[in-house]
Amino acid sequence: MATKGGTDNAVMLSVQVRQVAPSIDGKRSSNGASICNEYGD
């Protein structure tokens, strides 16, 4: 049971990472652009 639970948790984490990662990359790139625009001048 412990092994099955651990596997289920790992699968859930991987699914969450796949859903969250794109939004994190989008925020990171947009924030980087805004920072360059703000402090570039």
N, C-alpha and C. Protein backbone atom coordinates (compact mmCIF):
# COMPACT_ATOMS: atom_id res chain seq x y z
N MET A 1 0.85 -1.21 0.00
CA MET A 1 0.00 0.00 0.00
C MET A 1 0.89 1.26 0.00
N ALA A 2 1.97 1.23 0.78
CA ALA A 2 2.84 2.40 0.84
C ALA A 2 3.44 2.69 -0.53
N THR A 3 3.85 1.61 -1.22
CA THR A 3 4.45 1.81 -2.54
C THR A 3 3.43 2.36 -3.51
N LYS A 4 2.22 1.83 -3.47
CA LYS A 4 1.18 2.33 -4.37
C LYS A 4 0.89 3.80 -4.08
N GLY A 5 0.81 4.14 -2.77
CA GLY A 5 0.55 5.53 -2.42
C GLY A 5 1.67 6.44 -2.90
N GLY A 6 2.91 6.00 -2.73
CA GLY A 6 4.03 6.81 -3.18
C GLY A 6 3.99 7.00 -4.69
N THR A 7 3.63 5.94 -5.42
CA THR A 7 3.54 6.05 -6.87
C THR A 7 2.44 7.02 -7.26
N ASP A 8 1.29 6.92 -6.60
CA ASP A 8 0.19 7.83 -6.91
C ASP A 8 0.61 9.28 -6.64
N ASN A 9 1.30 9.50 -5.55
CA ASN A 9 1.74 10.86 -5.22
C ASN A 9 2.71 11.37 -6.28
N ALA A 10 3.61 10.52 -6.72
CA ALA A 10 4.58 10.93 -7.73
C ALA A 10 3.87 11.28 -9.03
N VAL A 11 2.88 10.49 -9.39
CA VAL A 11 2.13 10.77 -10.63
C VAL A 11 1.39 12.09 -10.49
N MET A 12 0.77 12.32 -9.35
CA MET A 12 0.03 13.57 -9.16
C MET A 12 0.99 14.76 -9.22
N LEU A 13 2.17 14.62 -8.61
CA LEU A 13 3.13 15.72 -8.63
C LEU A 13 3.59 16.00 -10.06
N SER A 14 3.85 14.95 -10.82
CA SER A 14 4.31 15.16 -12.20
C SER A 14 3.22 15.83 -13.02
N VAL A 15 1.97 15.45 -12.78
CA VAL A 15 0.86 16.07 -13.52
C VAL A 15 0.75 17.54 -13.13
N GLN A 16 0.88 17.85 -11.85
CA GLN A 16 0.80 19.23 -11.40
C GLN A 16 1.95 20.05 -11.97
N VAL A 17 3.13 19.47 -12.01
CA VAL A 17 4.28 20.19 -12.55
C VAL A 17 4.06 20.51 -14.01
N ARG A 18 3.50 19.57 -14.76
CA ARG A 18 3.25 19.82 -16.19
C ARG A 18 2.26 20.96 -16.37
N GLN A 19 1.28 21.06 -15.47
CA GLN A 19 0.27 22.11 -15.60
C GLN A 19 0.81 23.46 -15.14
N VAL A 20 1.68 23.45 -14.13
CA VAL A 20 2.15 24.70 -13.54
C VAL A 20 3.35 25.26 -14.29
N ALA A 21 4.21 24.40 -14.81
CA ALA A 21 5.45 24.84 -15.43
C ALA A 21 5.21 25.86 -16.55
N PRO A 22 4.29 25.64 -17.48
CA PRO A 22 4.09 26.62 -18.57
C PRO A 22 3.74 28.00 -18.03
N SER A 23 2.89 28.08 -17.01
CA SER A 23 2.51 29.39 -16.47
C SER A 23 3.72 30.03 -15.80
N ILE A 24 4.56 29.24 -15.15
CA ILE A 24 5.76 29.79 -14.50
C ILE A 24 6.71 30.33 -15.57
N ASP A 25 6.89 29.59 -16.67
CA ASP A 25 7.77 30.06 -17.74
C ASP A 25 7.22 31.34 -18.35
N GLY A 26 5.89 31.40 -18.52
CA GLY A 26 5.27 32.60 -19.09
C GLY A 26 5.49 33.80 -18.19
N LYS A 27 5.29 33.61 -16.88
CA LYS A 27 5.49 34.72 -15.95
C LYS A 27 6.95 35.13 -15.93
N ARG A 28 7.83 34.14 -15.98
CA ARG A 28 9.26 34.44 -15.90
C ARG A 28 9.68 35.26 -17.12
N SER A 29 9.23 34.88 -18.31
CA SER A 29 9.62 35.59 -19.51
C SER A 29 8.99 36.99 -19.54
N SER A 30 7.72 37.10 -19.13
CA SER A 30 7.06 38.40 -19.14
C SER A 30 7.70 39.31 -18.09
N ASN A 31 8.02 38.76 -16.93
CA ASN A 31 8.67 39.56 -15.89
C ASN A 31 10.05 40.01 -16.36
N GLY A 32 10.76 39.12 -17.02
CA GLY A 32 12.08 39.48 -17.52
C GLY A 32 11.99 40.61 -18.53
N ALA A 33 10.98 40.57 -19.40
CA ALA A 33 10.81 41.62 -20.40
C ALA A 33 10.46 42.94 -19.73
N SER A 34 9.56 42.90 -18.75
CA SER A 34 9.16 44.14 -18.06
C SER A 34 10.34 44.72 -17.30
N ILE A 35 11.15 43.86 -16.70
CA ILE A 35 12.32 44.34 -15.96
C ILE A 35 13.30 45.01 -16.93
N CYS A 36 13.50 44.41 -18.09
CA CYS A 36 14.41 44.99 -19.07
C CYS A 36 13.86 46.34 -19.54
N ASN A 37 12.55 46.43 -19.74
CA ASN A 37 11.95 47.68 -20.20
C ASN A 37 12.04 48.75 -19.12
N GLU A 38 11.88 48.35 -17.86
CA GLU A 38 11.88 49.33 -16.77
C GLU A 38 13.29 49.86 -16.50
N TYR A 39 14.27 48.93 -16.48
CA TYR A 39 15.62 49.32 -16.08
C TYR A 39 16.57 49.43 -17.28
N GLY A 40 16.07 49.14 -18.47
CA GLY A 40 16.93 49.21 -19.65
C GLY A 40 17.36 50.64 -19.93
N ASP A 41 16.45 51.59 -19.74
CA ASP A 41 16.77 52.99 -19.98
C ASP A 41 17.56 53.56 -18.81
